[in-house]
Amino acid sequence: MKDTREQSSSLTSRRVWSRGRTASLFFAFVIGSSALSTGCTLNVNVPPEAEPEVVPEGEGPEVERVVEPEPEPEPEPEPEPEPAPAPAPAPAPAPAPAPAPVLYGHSPEVSLSDATAEVDSGAELKLANRSFSIVLWAEVAPKAGFYGANILRHGSTAARDQMLHVGIRSTGKAFFAFYSNDLDTQAAYSDGQLHHYAFTFDHQTRTRIIYVDGEEVARDVSPSDYVGSGKLILAGMDNPPFDGTVGGVQVVGGTMTAAHVRKAMSRSMPSR
């Protein structure tokens, strides 16, 4: 019962407070309106605006930062390849040396038995103090008591370096001689077979070379030049006389390499 009275008393008090507050607001409104109509100044205390609170850096609420992705670097342009250097022009081939002049030629075969005849150049052939080469085919008949013989000779004076003679010795070895100044091969060729011989002399270096069947078989350096003069005698009636066959004889005014010799060999080989 007591609780019911207390609740009723409290409710009554609230109603009285509410009515009193309403009356006060009405009274203030009336007074304010009267003051405005009479020109009176109404002083109203307005509390100052509160200054914004300064929050120290780092103490405020966390703000999610949006991190923009860094722009990807633009790819560097690939360097342009350097132009390939122009190929160097091929060196011009060295001009082929002019063929040595032919000083004497005798193509037909000459078959002699004990050199009952000889063939000469008809006029003096100048071979002194110059380069020259002699190519020929020869077949030397082997026989008992063979002493060797000249296949070809030049010069009229039997003195050192003044008589040129090439041929086959009694041992069968080929020789290239300036008279008491000779070059001989090591192998023998008095086998009754046809062989190609080449004898070449370089005046500048004084080099003598003998080729047999296109291959170099002997070489030396002459201590002096050839200085003989006269006609060229083929298969002369020497002592001992030449016995065999000679053909494709050619004398040129210059040196010959192995390639030149083989070329001459293919051109001048006599038919058998």
Protein backbone atom coordinates (compact mmCIF):
# COMPACT_ATOMS: atom_id res chain seq x y z
CA MET A 1 0.00 0.00 0.00
CA LYS A 2 2.80 2.30 0.93
CA ASP A 3 4.50 1.77 -2.41
CA THR A 4 1.37 2.77 -4.25
CA ARG A 5 1.18 6.07 -2.36
CA GLU A 6 4.80 6.90 -3.03
CA GLN A 7 4.38 6.27 -6.77
CA SER A 8 1.26 8.53 -6.81
CA SER A 9 3.12 11.30 -4.97
CA SER A 10 6.05 11.16 -7.35
CA LEU A 11 3.81 11.32 -10.38
CA THR A 12 2.01 14.35 -8.98
CA SER A 13 5.32 16.14 -8.36
CA ARG A 14 6.44 15.52 -11.95
CA ARG A 15 3.24 17.00 -13.29
CA VAL A 16 3.62 20.13 -11.12
CA TRP A 17 7.31 20.58 -12.36
CA SER A 18 6.29 20.18 -15.92
CA ARG A 19 3.50 22.75 -15.63
CA GLY A 20 5.78 25.20 -13.86
CA ARG A 21 8.47 24.85 -16.60
CA THR A 22 5.88 25.44 -19.29
CA ALA A 23 4.66 28.57 -17.51
CA SER A 24 8.21 29.88 -17.20
CA LEU A 25 8.89 29.43 -20.91
CA PHE A 26 5.68 31.18 -21.78
CA PHE A 27 6.51 34.05 -19.47
CA ALA A 28 9.94 34.44 -21.00
CA PHE A 29 8.48 34.47 -24.49
CA VAL A 30 5.98 37.17 -23.53
CA ILE A 31 8.66 39.31 -21.98
CA GLY A 32 10.90 38.92 -24.97
CA SER A 33 8.19 39.89 -27.36
CA SER A 34 7.34 42.96 -25.30
CA ALA A 35 10.92 44.04 -25.26
CA LEU A 36 11.19 43.83 -29.01
CA SER A 37 8.01 45.89 -29.45
CA THR A 38 9.16 48.62 -27.08
CA GLY A 39 12.72 48.83 -28.40
CA CYS A 40 14.28 47.60 -25.24
CA THR A 41 17.44 45.72 -25.36
CA LEU A 42 17.33 42.22 -24.17
CA ASN A 43 20.59 40.97 -22.85
CA VAL A 44 20.93 37.30 -23.37
CA ASN A 45 24.01 35.55 -22.22
CA VAL A 46 25.15 33.29 -24.98
CA PRO A 47 27.93 30.95 -24.04
CA PRO A 48 31.02 31.33 -26.24
CA GLU A 49 31.55 28.80 -28.94
CA ALA A 50 33.79 26.05 -27.92
CA GLU A 51 37.11 26.08 -29.66
CA PRO A 52 37.83 23.00 -31.73
CA GLU A 53 39.78 20.46 -29.84
CA VAL A 54 43.29 20.08 -31.13
CA VAL A 55 44.23 16.49 -31.28
CA PRO A 56 48.01 15.90 -31.15
CA GLU A 57 49.44 14.18 -34.15
CA GLY A 58 49.39 10.48 -33.77
CA GLU A 59 46.69 10.50 -30.99
CA GLY A 60 43.60 10.80 -33.15
CA PRO A 61 41.70 7.98 -34.70
CA GLU A 62 43.61 6.00 -37.20
CA VAL A 63 42.81 6.89 -40.79
CA GLU A 64 43.29 4.23 -43.38
CA ARG A 65 45.80 5.49 -45.87
CA VAL A 66 45.35 4.62 -49.48
CA VAL A 67 48.74 3.91 -51.01
CA GLU A 68 48.70 4.52 -54.68
CA PRO A 69 50.89 2.06 -56.61
CA GLU A 70 54.02 3.55 -58.02
CA PRO A 71 53.89 3.84 -61.80
CA GLU A 72 55.86 1.15 -63.52
CA PRO A 73 58.97 2.54 -65.19
CA GLU A 74 58.73 2.72 -68.89
CA PRO A 75 60.95 0.09 -70.50
CA GLU A 76 64.10 1.52 -71.95
CA PRO A 77 64.12 1.32 -75.70
CA GLU A 78 66.37 -1.43 -77.00
CA PRO A 79 69.49 -0.01 -78.59
CA GLU A 80 69.41 -0.20 -82.31
CA PRO A 81 71.93 -2.73 -83.58
CA GLU A 82 74.96 -1.18 -85.09
CA PRO A 83 75.09 -1.70 -88.80
CA ALA A 84 77.47 -4.46 -89.77
CA PRO A 85 80.64 -3.08 -91.28
CA ALA A 86 80.80 -3.40 -94.98
CA PRO A 87 82.97 -6.33 -95.94
CA ALA A 88 86.38 -5.33 -97.08
CA PRO A 89 86.72 -5.71 -100.79
CA ALA A 90 88.56 -8.83 -101.73
CA PRO A 91 92.07 -8.05 -102.83
CA ALA A 92 92.49 -8.19 -106.52
CA PRO A 93 94.29 -11.34 -107.54
CA ALA A 94 97.88 -10.82 -108.38
CA PRO A 95 98.33 -10.65 -112.09
CA ALA A 96 99.73 -13.82 -113.53
CA PRO A 97 103.34 -13.39 -114.51
CA ALA A 98 103.87 -12.97 -118.18
CA PRO A 99 105.05 -16.20 -119.77
CA ALA A 100 108.77 -16.36 -120.36
CA PRO A 101 109.70 -15.78 -123.99
CA VAL A 102 110.48 -18.90 -125.98
CA LEU A 103 114.05 -18.73 -127.15
CA TYR A 104 114.13 -22.01 -128.99
CA GLY A 105 111.72 -24.83 -129.76
CA HIS A 106 112.09 -28.16 -131.50
CA SER A 107 109.02 -30.35 -131.21
CA PRO A 108 109.67 -33.29 -133.55
CA GLU A 109 111.37 -36.29 -132.02
CA VAL A 110 114.96 -36.91 -132.98
CA SER A 111 116.00 -40.54 -132.84
CA LEU A 112 119.73 -41.04 -133.13
CA SER A 113 121.93 -44.06 -132.94
CA ASP A 114 125.38 -43.14 -131.72
CA ALA A 115 124.65 -39.51 -132.72
CA THR A 116 125.22 -39.76 -136.40
CA ALA A 117 123.68 -36.28 -136.73
CA GLU A 118 123.02 -33.25 -134.65
CA VAL A 119 120.54 -30.36 -134.61
CA ASP A 120 121.56 -26.82 -133.77
CA SER A 121 119.67 -23.59 -133.23
CA GLY A 122 121.00 -22.10 -136.46
CA ALA A 123 121.89 -18.82 -134.79
CA GLU A 124 123.60 -17.82 -131.60
CA LEU A 125 121.34 -18.26 -128.58
CA LYS A 126 122.03 -15.70 -125.85
CA LEU A 127 121.85 -17.38 -122.43
CA ALA A 128 124.73 -15.63 -120.64
CA ASN A 129 123.96 -13.64 -117.47
CA ARG A 130 120.20 -14.28 -117.55
CA SER A 131 117.57 -16.68 -116.24
CA PHE A 132 116.57 -19.53 -118.53
CA SER A 133 114.89 -22.94 -118.56
CA ILE A 134 115.17 -26.01 -120.78
CA VAL A 135 112.42 -28.65 -121.06
CA LEU A 136 112.55 -31.83 -123.16
CA TRP A 137 111.56 -35.47 -123.42
CA ALA A 138 114.33 -38.04 -123.70
CA GLU A 139 114.69 -41.77 -123.80
CA VAL A 140 118.18 -43.07 -123.23
CA ALA A 141 118.84 -46.57 -124.56
CA PRO A 142 120.64 -48.68 -121.96
CA LYS A 143 123.49 -50.71 -123.26
CA ALA A 144 126.68 -52.33 -122.12
CA GLY A 145 129.52 -49.95 -121.59
CA PHE A 146 127.20 -46.89 -121.41
CA TYR A 147 129.33 -43.89 -120.53
CA GLY A 148 126.65 -41.21 -120.58
CA ALA A 149 126.18 -38.42 -123.07
CA ASN A 150 125.01 -34.87 -123.57
CA ILE A 151 121.36 -34.48 -124.61
CA LEU A 152 121.88 -30.77 -125.26
CA ARG A 153 124.79 -28.34 -125.04
CA HIS A 154 125.49 -24.64 -125.56
CA GLY A 155 128.71 -22.62 -125.79
CA SER A 156 131.90 -23.08 -127.78
CA THR A 157 134.59 -22.65 -125.12
CA ALA A 158 135.49 -25.55 -122.86
CA ALA A 159 136.11 -23.47 -119.75
CA ARG A 160 134.41 -23.04 -116.38
CA ASP A 161 130.93 -21.46 -116.63
CA GLN A 162 131.30 -21.05 -120.42
CA MET A 163 129.78 -24.34 -121.65
CA LEU A 164 126.26 -25.47 -120.76
CA HIS A 165 125.45 -29.17 -121.09
CA VAL A 166 122.60 -31.36 -119.81
CA GLY A 167 122.35 -35.12 -120.19
CA ILE A 168 122.78 -38.54 -118.57
CA ARG A 169 126.04 -39.72 -117.01
CA SER A 170 127.40 -43.25 -117.13
CA THR A 171 125.76 -43.84 -113.74
CA GLY A 172 122.36 -43.00 -115.25
CA LYS A 173 122.09 -39.77 -113.24
CA ALA A 174 120.84 -36.61 -114.97
CA PHE A 175 123.12 -33.57 -114.82
CA PHE A 176 122.86 -29.79 -115.32
CA ALA A 177 126.39 -28.41 -115.79
CA PHE A 178 128.14 -25.12 -116.57
CA TYR A 179 131.47 -26.94 -117.14
CA SER A 180 133.34 -27.75 -113.93
CA ASN A 181 130.31 -26.38 -112.08
CA ASP A 182 127.71 -29.18 -112.11
CA LEU A 183 124.45 -30.31 -110.48
CA ASP A 184 123.58 -34.06 -110.56
CA THR A 185 120.50 -36.02 -109.51
CA GLN A 186 120.64 -38.83 -106.95
CA ALA A 187 118.46 -41.25 -108.95
CA ALA A 188 119.36 -42.88 -112.27
CA TYR A 189 117.19 -42.63 -115.39
CA SER A 190 119.02 -44.80 -117.97
CA ASP A 191 116.21 -47.36 -117.87
CA GLY A 192 115.11 -47.27 -121.50
CA GLN A 193 111.93 -45.33 -120.55
CA LEU A 194 110.79 -41.97 -121.86
CA HIS A 195 111.19 -39.27 -119.20
CA HIS A 196 110.44 -35.57 -119.11
CA TYR A 197 113.33 -33.36 -117.98
CA ALA A 198 113.37 -29.69 -117.01
CA PHE A 199 116.47 -27.65 -116.14
CA THR A 200 115.88 -24.13 -114.78
CA PHE A 201 118.34 -21.42 -113.67
CA ASP A 202 117.48 -18.24 -111.73
CA HIS A 203 120.02 -15.51 -112.58
CA GLN A 204 119.06 -13.37 -109.50
CA THR A 205 119.64 -16.10 -106.90
CA ARG A 206 121.82 -18.41 -109.06
CA THR A 207 119.54 -21.30 -108.09
CA ARG A 208 119.62 -24.39 -110.35
CA ILE A 209 116.82 -26.99 -110.26
CA ILE A 210 116.31 -30.27 -112.09
CA TYR A 211 112.77 -31.69 -112.54
CA VAL A 212 112.12 -35.23 -113.78
CA ASP A 213 108.56 -36.18 -114.79
CA GLY A 214 107.21 -32.99 -113.18
CA GLU A 215 108.89 -33.44 -109.77
CA GLU A 216 111.87 -31.59 -108.35
CA VAL A 217 114.74 -34.04 -107.87
CA ALA A 218 117.83 -31.82 -107.41
CA ARG A 219 118.67 -28.23 -106.44
CA ASP A 220 121.72 -26.12 -105.64
CA VAL A 221 123.07 -22.58 -105.76
CA SER A 222 125.71 -22.07 -108.40
CA PRO A 223 128.79 -20.22 -107.15
CA SER A 224 128.76 -18.18 -110.36
CA ASP A 225 126.64 -17.22 -113.39
CA TYR A 226 126.64 -18.93 -116.73
CA VAL A 227 128.53 -16.75 -119.24
CA GLY A 228 128.82 -18.97 -122.32
CA SER A 229 127.82 -17.99 -125.89
CA GLY A 230 127.17 -19.77 -129.15
CA LYS A 231 124.61 -22.07 -130.77
CA LEU A 232 122.40 -24.61 -129.05
CA ILE A 233 123.35 -28.16 -130.11
CA LEU A 234 120.82 -30.96 -129.70
CA ALA A 235 122.09 -34.58 -129.46
CA GLY A 236 125.54 -33.63 -130.62
CA MET A 237 128.25 -36.00 -131.73
CA ASP A 238 130.11 -35.86 -128.46
CA ASN A 239 132.41 -38.45 -126.96
CA PRO A 240 130.62 -40.57 -126.01
CA PRO A 241 127.82 -39.88 -128.48
CA PHE A 242 124.17 -39.71 -127.47
CA ASP A 243 122.14 -42.86 -128.16
CA GLY A 244 118.36 -42.52 -127.79
CA THR A 245 115.37 -40.32 -128.60
CA VAL A 246 114.83 -36.63 -127.88
CA GLY A 247 111.66 -34.57 -128.45
CA GLY A 248 109.57 -31.63 -127.30
CA VAL A 249 112.64 -29.43 -126.76
CA GLN A 250 111.97 -25.86 -125.65
CA VAL A 251 114.23 -23.14 -124.23
CA VAL A 252 112.59 -20.15 -122.50
CA GLY A 253 114.14 -16.96 -121.19
CA GLY A 254 113.02 -17.24 -117.56
CA THR A 255 112.62 -19.57 -114.57
CA MET A 256 109.91 -22.22 -114.31
CA THR A 257 108.05 -23.56 -111.27
CA ALA A 258 106.88 -27.15 -110.87
CA ALA A 259 103.41 -26.08 -112.08
CA HIS A 260 104.94 -24.53 -115.20
CA VAL A 261 106.97 -27.65 -115.80
CA ARG A 262 103.93 -29.94 -115.51
CA LYS A 263 101.98 -27.71 -117.87
CA ALA A 264 104.79 -27.83 -120.42
CA MET A 265 105.02 -31.56 -119.89
CA SER A 266 101.33 -32.06 -120.75
CA ARG A 267 101.63 -29.89 -123.88
CA SER A 268 104.81 -31.33 -125.30
CA MET A 269 104.56 -35.04 -124.53
CA PRO A 270 105.33 -36.82 -127.77
CA SER A 271 102.99 -39.49 -129.06
CA ARG A 272 104.39 -42.99 -128.74
